[in-house]
Amino acid sequence: MLDKYIRFIELLFSVDYTDEINFAINKYIEGYSIEDEEFAYNSILNLVKKERITNQIYIFIPIVLTREWYKNYPVKLHDYYSRVNGTSSSENIKFKSISVYNQIEKVLQKRLKTLSEEDIMKILAHSAEHKIIVSMIERGSKLENLRFAPLASGV
């Protein structure tokens, strides 16, 4: 209940994280060739200083990019995820109900026009859905036959 209230307040009075999102996109690209797996996350956290917002930015960038990259293909991706609360309970949350998600979507739609395919792939390398799509295509599956369960996250 409290989470729903927080999401509602965020949508009404959303803080603009455009600069932080652009910074995070750059860190994903920069961090691709760095062996520190937490480079992008730690860089975002050092800038944002809020763990909850850092988690959202870090987790949603590859998710949004996957949806943008495959939006003209017959891949069935969910528009919600299962938010896991503890060990056994969860709730379905629409991505669009999260202010940071919507901001990432707007930023990525603009950035896609200027990002190289190589840089896009560096970010998509962090997307579980993209990895599954590539793996299934390599095994001979057709895009239109792929169906996904909703993602699960604690964010």
Protein backbone atom coordinates (compact mmCIF):
# COMPACT_ATOMS: atom_id res chain seq x y z
CA MET A 1 0.00 0.00 0.00
CA LEU A 2 2.78 2.42 0.91
CA ASP A 3 4.60 1.61 -2.34
CA LYS A 4 1.51 2.46 -4.39
CA TYR A 5 1.20 5.77 -2.56
CA ILE A 6 4.89 6.56 -3.16
CA ARG A 7 4.53 5.77 -6.90
CA PHE A 8 1.46 8.02 -7.09
CA ILE A 9 3.29 10.89 -5.39
CA GLU A 10 6.30 10.36 -7.68
CA LEU A 11 4.08 10.63 -10.75
CA LEU A 12 2.49 13.83 -9.45
CA PHE A 13 5.68 15.51 -8.30
CA SER A 14 8.34 13.78 -10.31
CA VAL A 15 11.88 15.00 -10.02
CA ASP A 16 13.67 15.35 -13.35
CA TYR A 17 16.46 12.77 -13.58
CA THR A 18 17.34 13.44 -17.23
CA ASP A 19 20.95 14.38 -16.47
CA GLU A 20 21.40 11.36 -14.21
CA ILE A 21 19.89 9.05 -16.83
CA ASN A 22 22.18 10.39 -19.56
CA PHE A 23 25.12 9.99 -17.18
CA ALA A 24 24.05 6.39 -16.46
CA ILE A 25 23.75 5.56 -20.16
CA ASN A 26 27.29 6.83 -20.66
CA LYS A 27 28.52 4.77 -17.71
CA TYR A 28 26.90 1.63 -19.10
CA ILE A 29 28.79 2.21 -22.35
CA GLU A 30 32.05 3.14 -20.62
CA GLY A 31 31.77 0.27 -18.16
CA TYR A 32 31.41 -2.37 -20.87
CA SER A 33 35.18 -2.64 -21.26
CA ILE A 34 35.91 -2.37 -17.53
CA GLU A 35 36.19 -5.61 -15.56
CA ASP A 36 34.41 -4.13 -12.54
CA GLU A 37 30.83 -5.41 -12.86
CA GLU A 38 29.59 -2.77 -10.45
CA PHE A 39 31.24 0.17 -12.24
CA ALA A 40 28.03 1.56 -13.78
CA TYR A 41 25.97 1.02 -10.63
CA ASN A 42 28.55 2.59 -8.32
CA SER A 43 29.04 5.54 -10.68
CA ILE A 44 25.28 6.19 -10.73
CA LEU A 45 25.03 5.85 -6.94
CA ASN A 46 27.91 8.30 -6.44
CA LEU A 47 26.04 10.86 -8.55
CA VAL A 48 22.44 10.26 -7.42
CA LYS A 49 23.14 9.51 -3.73
CA LYS A 50 19.74 7.79 -3.38
CA GLU A 51 19.80 4.01 -3.47
CA ARG A 52 16.16 3.58 -4.54
CA ILE A 53 16.50 5.96 -7.52
CA THR A 54 19.90 4.48 -8.41
CA ASN A 55 18.35 1.01 -8.44
CA GLN A 56 15.54 2.17 -10.71
CA ILE A 57 17.86 3.94 -13.15
CA TYR A 58 20.31 1.04 -13.20
CA ILE A 59 17.70 -1.69 -13.65
CA PHE A 60 15.31 0.10 -15.99
CA ILE A 61 17.80 1.39 -18.60
CA PRO A 62 18.40 -2.07 -20.16
CA ILE A 63 14.71 -2.92 -19.82
CA VAL A 64 13.57 0.24 -21.59
CA LEU A 65 16.23 -0.14 -24.26
CA THR A 66 15.16 -3.73 -24.93
CA ARG A 67 11.57 -2.60 -25.40
CA GLU A 68 12.63 0.24 -27.70
CA TRP A 69 15.00 -1.98 -29.70
CA TYR A 70 12.38 -4.69 -30.27
CA LYS A 71 9.23 -2.55 -30.50
CA ASN A 72 8.89 -3.12 -34.25
CA TYR A 73 9.42 -6.86 -33.96
CA PRO A 74 6.82 -9.50 -33.06
CA VAL A 75 8.29 -10.18 -29.62
CA LYS A 76 5.80 -10.28 -26.77
CA LEU A 77 7.30 -8.43 -23.79
CA HIS A 78 5.18 -7.58 -20.76
CA ASP A 79 4.34 -4.01 -19.83
CA TYR A 80 4.60 -4.86 -16.15
CA TYR A 81 6.91 -6.72 -13.81
CA SER A 82 6.44 -8.68 -10.60
CA ARG A 83 7.80 -6.78 -7.67
CA VAL A 84 8.98 -9.31 -5.15
CA ASN A 85 8.36 -8.34 -1.54
CA GLY A 86 10.30 -10.63 0.72
CA THR A 87 10.31 -14.33 0.10
CA SER A 88 6.84 -15.20 -1.15
CA SER A 89 4.67 -12.18 -1.87
CA SER A 90 4.71 -10.10 -5.03
CA GLU A 91 2.64 -7.56 -6.89
CA ASN A 92 2.44 -6.71 -10.56
CA ILE A 93 3.58 -3.18 -11.34
CA LYS A 94 3.17 -1.47 -14.69
CA PHE A 95 6.46 -0.04 -15.88
CA LYS A 96 4.64 3.14 -16.94
CA SER A 97 3.54 3.74 -13.35
CA ILE A 98 7.16 4.48 -12.39
CA SER A 99 8.26 8.05 -13.02
CA VAL A 100 11.93 7.14 -13.53
CA TYR A 101 10.95 4.49 -16.09
CA ASN A 102 9.00 7.07 -18.10
CA GLN A 103 11.92 9.49 -17.95
CA ILE A 104 14.35 6.80 -19.12
CA GLU A 105 12.02 6.00 -22.00
CA LYS A 106 11.99 9.64 -23.15
CA VAL A 107 15.76 9.98 -22.84
CA LEU A 108 16.47 6.74 -24.69
CA GLN A 109 14.07 7.59 -27.50
CA LYS A 110 16.14 10.73 -28.11
CA ARG A 111 19.51 9.06 -27.54
CA LEU A 112 18.78 6.16 -29.89
CA LYS A 113 19.13 8.60 -32.79
CA THR A 114 22.73 9.35 -31.80
CA LEU A 115 23.97 6.13 -30.21
CA SER A 116 25.96 3.74 -32.37
CA GLU A 117 24.72 0.17 -32.69
CA GLU A 118 27.88 -0.89 -30.84
CA ASP A 119 26.99 1.34 -27.88
CA ILE A 120 23.40 0.09 -27.91
CA MET A 121 24.70 -3.49 -27.75
CA LYS A 122 26.91 -2.57 -24.77
CA ILE A 123 23.78 -1.57 -22.87
CA LEU A 124 21.67 -4.48 -24.16
CA ALA A 125 24.36 -6.82 -22.83
CA HIS A 126 22.82 -6.06 -19.40
CA SER A 127 19.31 -7.06 -20.48
CA ALA A 128 18.16 -10.55 -19.52
CA GLU A 129 15.35 -10.35 -22.08
CA HIS A 130 17.77 -9.40 -24.88
CA LYS A 131 20.10 -12.26 -23.94
CA ILE A 132 17.20 -14.71 -24.08
CA ILE A 133 16.01 -13.36 -27.44
CA VAL A 134 19.48 -13.69 -28.96
CA SER A 135 19.94 -17.16 -27.49
CA MET A 136 16.60 -18.39 -28.78
CA ILE A 137 17.19 -16.97 -32.28
CA GLU A 138 20.60 -18.69 -32.36
CA ARG A 139 18.77 -21.95 -31.54
CA GLY A 140 16.41 -21.44 -34.46
CA SER A 141 13.36 -19.91 -32.79
CA LYS A 142 11.34 -17.28 -34.60
CA LEU A 143 10.70 -13.92 -32.94
CA GLU A 144 6.94 -14.25 -33.27
CA ASN A 145 7.05 -17.50 -31.27
CA LEU A 146 8.85 -16.01 -28.27
CA ARG A 147 6.74 -15.38 -25.17
CA PHE A 148 8.07 -14.00 -21.92
CA ALA A 149 6.94 -14.22 -18.36
CA PRO A 150 6.98 -10.91 -16.50
CA LEU A 151 10.35 -9.92 -15.08
CA ALA A 152 10.77 -10.19 -11.33
CA SER A 153 12.56 -7.53 -9.32
CA GLY A 154 12.75 -6.06 -5.86
CA VAL A 155 12.68 -2.51 -7.29
